[in-house]
PDB file of N, CA and C in Angstrom:
ATOM      1  N   CYS A   1       0.811  -1.317   0.028  1.00  0.00           N
ATOM      2  CA  CYS A   1      -0.030   0.088   0.056  1.00  0.00           C
ATOM      3  C   CYS A   1       0.840   1.296  -0.007  1.00  0.00           C
ATOM      4  N   LYS A   2       1.759   1.382   0.868  1.00  0.00           N
ATOM      5  CA  LYS A   2       2.981   2.199   0.531  1.00  0.00           C
ATOM      6  C   LYS A   2       3.534   2.595  -0.320  1.00  0.00           C
ATOM      7  N   ARG A   3       3.987   1.716  -1.342  1.00  0.00           N
ATOM      8  CA  ARG A   3       4.594   1.614  -2.438  1.00  0.00           C
ATOM      9  C   ARG A   3       3.652   2.062  -3.447  1.00  0.00           C
ATOM     10  N   GLU A   4       2.436   2.079  -3.358  1.00  0.00           N
ATOM     11  CA  GLU A   4       1.441   2.655  -4.422  1.00  0.00           C
ATOM     12  C   GLU A   4       1.088   4.034  -4.050  1.00  0.00           C
ATOM     13  N   TYR A   5       1.209   4.756  -2.868  1.00  0.00           N
ATOM     14  CA  TYR A   5       1.159   6.103  -2.852  1.00  0.00           C
ATOM     15  C   TYR A   5       2.544   6.561  -3.268  1.00  0.00           C
ATOM     16  N   ILE A   6       3.548   6.178  -3.102  1.00  0.00           N
ATOM     17  CA  ILE A   6       4.802   6.796  -3.215  1.00  0.00           C
ATOM     18  C   ILE A   6       4.847   6.637  -5.052  1.00  0.00           C
ATOM     19  N   ALA A   7       4.640   5.476  -5.468  1.00  0.00           N
ATOM     20  CA  ALA A   7       4.458   5.326  -7.112  1.00  0.00           C
ATOM     21  C   ALA A   7       3.368   6.627  -7.655  1.00  0.00           C
ATOM     22  N   TYR A   8       2.332   7.065  -6.938  1.00  0.00           N
ATOM     23  CA  TYR A   8       1.404   8.004  -7.398  1.00  0.00           C
ATOM     24  C   TYR A   8       2.246   9.461  -7.618  1.00  0.00           C
ATOM     25  N   TYR A   9       3.336   9.633  -6.432  1.00  0.00           N
ATOM     26  CA  TYR A   9       3.954  10.814  -6.480  1.00  0.00           C
ATOM     27  C   TYR A   9       5.082  10.827  -7.597  1.00  0.00           C
ATOM     28  N   LEU A  10       5.389   9.774  -7.795  1.00  0.00           N
ATOM     29  CA  LEU A  10       6.731   9.582  -8.842  1.00  0.00           C
ATOM     30  C   LEU A  10       6.026   9.392 -10.407  1.00  0.00           C
ATOM     31  N   SER A  11       4.889   9.320 -10.605  1.00  0.00           N
ATOM     32  CA  SER A  11       4.355   9.160 -11.883  1.00  0.00           C
ATOM     33  C   SER A  11       4.298  10.558 -12.540  1.00  0.00           C
ATOM     34  N   SER A  12       5.002  10.662 -13.555  1.00  0.00           N
ATOM     35  CA  SER A  12       4.896  11.973 -13.981  1.00  0.00           C
ATOM     36  C   SER A  12       3.517  12.457 -14.872  1.00  0.00           C
ATOM     37  N   LYS A  13       2.887  11.470 -15.241  1.00  0.00           N
ATOM     38  CA  LYS A  13       1.480  11.489 -15.959  1.00  0.00           C
ATOM     39  C   LYS A  13       0.647  11.838 -14.617  1.00  0.00           C
ATOM     40  N   VAL A  14       0.540  11.227 -13.515  1.00  0.00           N
ATOM     41  CA  VAL A  14      -0.272  11.649 -12.563  1.00  0.00           C
ATOM     42  C   VAL A  14       0.127  13.156 -12.038  1.00  0.00           C
ATOM     43  N   LYS A  15       1.361  13.690 -11.921  1.00  0.00           N
ATOM     44  CA  LYS A  15       1.784  14.770 -11.633  1.00  0.00           C
ATOM     45  C   LYS A  15       1.364  15.979 -12.486  1.00  0.00           C
ATOM     46  N   ASP A  16       1.352  15.678 -13.858  1.00  0.00           N
ATOM     47  CA  ASP A  16       1.033  16.301 -15.039  1.00  0.00           C
ATOM     48  C   ASP A  16      -0.563  16.740 -14.787  1.00  0.00           C
ATOM     49  N   LEU A  17      -1.262  15.624 -14.646  1.00  0.00           N
ATOM     50  CA  LEU A  17      -2.801  15.692 -14.426  1.00  0.00           C
ATOM     51  C   LEU A  17      -3.224  16.417 -13.307  1.00  0.00           C
ATOM     52  N   GLN A  18      -2.353  16.345 -12.116  1.00  0.00           N
ATOM     53  CA  GLN A  18      -2.739  17.158 -10.925  1.00  0.00           C
ATOM     54  C   GLN A  18      -2.644  18.807 -10.968  1.00  0.00           C
ATOM     55  N   ALA A  19      -1.488  18.789 -11.807  1.00  0.00           N
ATOM     56  CA  ALA A  19      -1.157  20.334 -12.311  1.00  0.00           C
ATOM     57  C   ALA A  19      -2.125  21.112 -13.040  1.00  0.00           C
ATOM     58  N   GLU A  20      -2.742  20.248 -13.834  1.00  0.00           N
ATOM     59  CA  GLU A  20      -3.615  20.730 -14.875  1.00  0.00           C
ATOM     60  C   GLU A  20      -4.807  20.961 -14.108  1.00  0.00           C
ATOM     61  N   GLN A  21      -5.264  19.963 -13.189  1.00  0.00           N
ATOM     62  CA  GLN A  21      -6.469  20.021 -12.415  1.00  0.00           C
ATOM     63  C   GLN A  21      -6.502  21.382 -11.462  1.00  0.00           C
ATOM     64  N   ARG A  22      -5.298  21.886 -10.851  1.00  0.00           N
ATOM     65  CA  ARG A  22      -4.993  22.881 -10.032  1.00  0.00           C
ATOM     66  C   ARG A  22      -5.247  24.254 -10.689  1.00  0.00           C
ATOM     67  N   LYS A  23      -4.827  24.053 -12.136  1.00  0.00           N
ATOM     68  CA  LYS A  23      -4.895  25.171 -13.088  1.00  0.00           C
ATOM     69  C   LYS A  23      -6.512  25.416 -13.328  1.00  0.00           C
ATOM     70  N   LEU A  24      -7.286  24.306 -13.430  1.00  0.00           N
ATOM     71  CA  LEU A  24      -8.642  24.425 -13.894  1.00  0.00           C
ATOM     72  C   LEU A  24      -9.329  24.958 -12.794  1.00  0.00           C
ATOM     73  N   MET A  25      -8.908  24.400 -11.484  1.00  0.00           N
ATOM     74  CA  MET A  25      -9.833  24.652 -10.236  1.00  0.00           C
ATOM     75  C   MET A  25      -9.428  26.359 -10.032  1.00  0.00           C
ATOM     76  N   ALA A  26      -8.167  26.939 -10.080  1.00  0.00           N
ATOM     77  CA  ALA A  26      -7.927  28.270 -10.140  1.00  0.00           C
ATOM     78  C   ALA A  26      -9.036  28.949 -11.233  1.00  0.00           C
ATOM     79  N   GLU A  27      -9.151  28.375 -12.596  1.00  0.00           N
ATOM     80  CA  GLU A  27     -10.105  29.295 -13.401  1.00  0.00           C
ATOM     81  C   GLU A  27     -11.534  29.009 -13.211  1.00  0.00           C
ATOM     82  N   ASN A  28     -11.837  28.095 -12.195  1.00  0.00           N
ATOM     83  CA  ASN A  28     -13.257  27.789 -11.548  1.00  0.00           C
ATOM     84  C   ASN A  28     -14.086  27.472 -12.470  1.00  0.00           C
ATOM     85  N   ASN A  29     -13.488  26.151 -13.495  1.00  0.00           N
ATOM     86  CA  ASN A  29     -13.919  25.598 -14.390  1.00  0.00           C
ATOM     87  C   ASN A  29     -14.528  24.286 -13.890  1.00  0.00           C
ATOM     88  N   ARG A  30     -15.636  24.249 -13.316  1.00  0.00           N
ATOM     89  CA  ARG A  30     -16.052  22.874 -12.592  1.00  0.00           C
ATOM     90  C   ARG A  30     -16.313  21.710 -13.518  1.00  0.00           C
ATOM     91  N   ALA A  31     -16.729  21.942 -14.560  1.00  0.00           N
ATOM     92  CA  ALA A  31     -16.981  20.708 -15.433  1.00  0.00           C
ATOM     93  C   ALA A  31     -15.632  19.959 -15.627  1.00  0.00           C
ATOM     94  N   GLU A  32     -14.634  20.829 -16.079  1.00  0.00           N
ATOM     95  CA  GLU A  32     -13.215  20.487 -16.615  1.00  0.00           C
ATOM     96  C   GLU A  32     -12.639  19.680 -15.402  1.00  0.00           C
ATOM     97  N   VAL A  33     -12.845  20.154 -14.386  1.00  0.00           N
ATOM     98  CA  VAL A  33     -12.099  19.819 -12.767  1.00  0.00           C
ATOM     99  C   VAL A  33     -12.811  18.261 -12.760  1.00  0.00           C
ATOM    100  N   GLU A  34     -14.125  18.055 -12.832  1.00  0.00           N
ATOM    101  CA  GLU A  34     -14.550  16.783 -12.665  1.00  0.00           C
ATOM    102  C   GLU A  34     -14.130  15.772 -13.521  1.00  0.00           C
ATOM    103  N   SER A  35     -13.947  16.212 -14.996  1.00  0.00           N
ATOM    104  CA  SER A  35     -13.356  15.435 -16.006  1.00  0.00           C
ATOM    105  C   SER A  35     -11.955  15.161 -15.630  1.00  0.00           C
ATOM    106  N   MET A  36     -11.306  16.251 -15.054  1.00  0.00           N
ATOM    107  CA  MET A  36      -9.849  15.671 -14.829  1.00  0.00           C
ATOM    108  C   MET A  36      -9.700  14.885 -13.557  1.00  0.00           C
ATOM    109  N   LYS A  37     -10.790  14.988 -12.720  1.00  0.00           N
ATOM    110  CA  LYS A  37     -10.721  14.168 -11.445  1.00  0.00           C
ATOM    111  C   LYS A  37     -10.817  12.518 -12.083  1.00  0.00           C
ATOM    112  N   ARG A  38     -11.477  12.342 -13.112  1.00  0.00           N
ATOM    113  CA  ARG A  38     -11.781  10.894 -13.731  1.00  0.00           C
ATOM    114  C   ARG A  38     -10.494  10.490 -14.235  1.00  0.00           C
ATOM    115  N   LYS A  39      -9.691  11.554 -15.169  1.00  0.00           N
ATOM    116  CA  LYS A  39      -8.461  11.208 -15.737  1.00  0.00           C
ATOM    117  C   LYS A  39      -7.355  10.694 -14.492  1.00  0.00           C
ATOM    118  N   ILE A  40      -7.251  11.633 -13.497  1.00  0.00           N
ATOM    119  CA  ILE A  40      -6.169  11.288 -12.404  1.00  0.00           C
ATOM    120  C   ILE A  40      -6.729   9.796 -11.856  1.00  0.00           C
ATOM    121  N   LYS A  41      -7.972   9.574 -11.369  1.00  0.00           N
ATOM    122  CA  LYS A  41      -8.438   8.167 -10.802  1.00  0.00           C
ATOM    123  C   LYS A  41      -7.962   7.060 -11.928  1.00  0.00           C
ATOM    124  N   ALA A  42      -8.196   7.314 -13.165  1.00  0.00           N
ATOM    125  CA  ALA A  42      -7.943   6.342 -13.976  1.00  0.00           C
ATOM    126  C   ALA A  42      -6.258   5.940 -14.229  1.00  0.00           C
ATOM    127  N   GLU A  43      -5.597   7.106 -14.217  1.00  0.00           N
ATOM    128  CA  GLU A  43      -4.079   6.958 -14.140  1.00  0.00           C
ATOM    129  C   GLU A  43      -3.713   6.270 -12.854  1.00  0.00           C
ATOM    130  N   MET A  44      -4.181   6.703 -11.558  1.00  0.00           N
ATOM    131  CA  MET A  44      -3.726   6.208 -10.503  1.00  0.00           C
ATOM    132  C   MET A  44      -4.174   4.584 -10.509  1.00  0.00           C
ATOM    133  N   ASP A  45      -5.423   4.160 -10.929  1.00  0.00           N
ATOM    134  CA  ASP A  45      -5.952   2.988 -11.064  1.00  0.00           C
ATOM    135  C   ASP A  45      -4.754   2.020 -11.843  1.00  0.00           C
ATOM    136  N   ARG A  46      -4.568   2.531 -13.062  1.00  0.00           N
ATOM    137  CA  ARG A  46      -3.256   2.027 -13.841  1.00  0.00           C
ATOM    138  C   ARG A  46      -1.923   1.730 -13.137  1.00  0.00           C
ATOM    139  N   VAL A  47      -1.547   2.794 -12.503  1.00  0.00           N
ATOM    140  CA  VAL A  47      -0.242   2.607 -11.600  1.00  0.00           C
ATOM    141  C   VAL A  47      -0.695   1.452 -10.362  1.00  0.00           C
ATOM    142  N   ARG A  48      -1.555   1.568  -9.903  1.00  0.00           N
ATOM    143  CA  ARG A  48      -1.784   0.624  -8.957  1.00  0.00           C
ATOM    144  C   ARG A  48      -1.868  -0.889  -9.476  1.00  0.00           C
ATOM    145  N   ALA A  49      -2.333  -1.058 -10.633  1.00  0.00           N
ATOM    146  CA  ALA A  49      -2.458  -2.383 -11.497  1.00  0.00           C
ATOM    147  C   ALA A  49      -0.918  -2.702 -11.893  1.00  0.00           C
ATOM    148  N   GLU A  50      -0.083  -1.724 -12.121  1.00  0.00           N
ATOM    149  CA  GLU A  50       1.356  -2.184 -12.363  1.00  0.00           C
ATOM    150  C   GLU A  50       1.909  -2.237 -11.414  1.00  0.00           C
ATOM    151  N   ILE A  51       1.751  -1.809 -10.038  1.00  0.00           N
ATOM    152  CA  ILE A  51       2.582  -2.405  -8.893  1.00  0.00           C
ATOM    153  C   ILE A  51       2.039  -3.810  -8.578  1.00  0.00           C
ATOM    154  N   GLU A  52       0.893  -3.914  -8.385  1.00  0.00           N
ATOM    155  CA  GLU A  52       0.285  -5.143  -8.239  1.00  0.00           C
ATOM    156  C   GLU A  52       0.774  -6.512  -8.774  1.00  0.00           C
ATOM    157  N   THR A  53       0.979  -6.126 -10.407  1.00  0.00           N
ATOM    158  CA  THR A  53       1.444  -7.169 -11.169  1.00  0.00           C
ATOM    159  C   THR A  53       2.891  -7.114 -11.246  1.00  0.00           C
ATOM    160  N   GLY A  54       3.420  -6.165 -10.642  1.00  0.00           N
ATOM    161  CA  GLY A  54       5.029  -6.051 -10.571  1.00  0.00           C
ATOM    162  C   GLY A  54       5.465  -5.227 -12.004  1.00  0.00           C
ATOM    163  N   ASN A  55       4.782  -4.793 -12.657  1.00  0.00           N
ATOM    164  CA  ASN A  55       5.197  -4.169 -13.984  1.00  0.00           C
ATOM    165  C   ASN A  55       5.440  -2.741 -14.006  1.00  0.00           C
ATOM    166  N   THR A  56       6.361  -2.300 -13.150  1.00  0.00           N
ATOM    167  CA  THR A  56       6.538  -0.739 -12.840  1.00  0.00           C
ATOM    168  C   THR A  56       7.411  -0.113 -14.026  1.00  0.00           C
ATOM    169  N   LYS A  57       6.819   0.794 -14.668  1.00  0.00           N
ATOM    170  CA  LYS A  57       7.649   1.257 -15.780  1.00  0.00           C
ATOM    171  C   LYS A  57       7.807   2.845 -15.407  1.00  0.00           C
ATOM    172  N   MET A  58       7.926   3.326 -14.391  1.00  0.00           N
ATOM    173  CA  MET A  58       8.059   4.875 -14.210  1.00  0.00           C
ATOM    174  C   MET A  58       9.464   5.450 -14.338  1.00  0.00           C
TER     175      MET A  58
END
């Protein structure tokens, strides 16, 4: 579980998506923020699946 959280912070795609989400939140664009949350969750799920199967490519 701990490796999972570390991997989230090391994943460049997750970091990029979170930075884009912060920008959208600053612009107060709610629909795009919700869409970005779904993209971030999907990427985190992908990272978790990689860790669980042992296929880490970060």
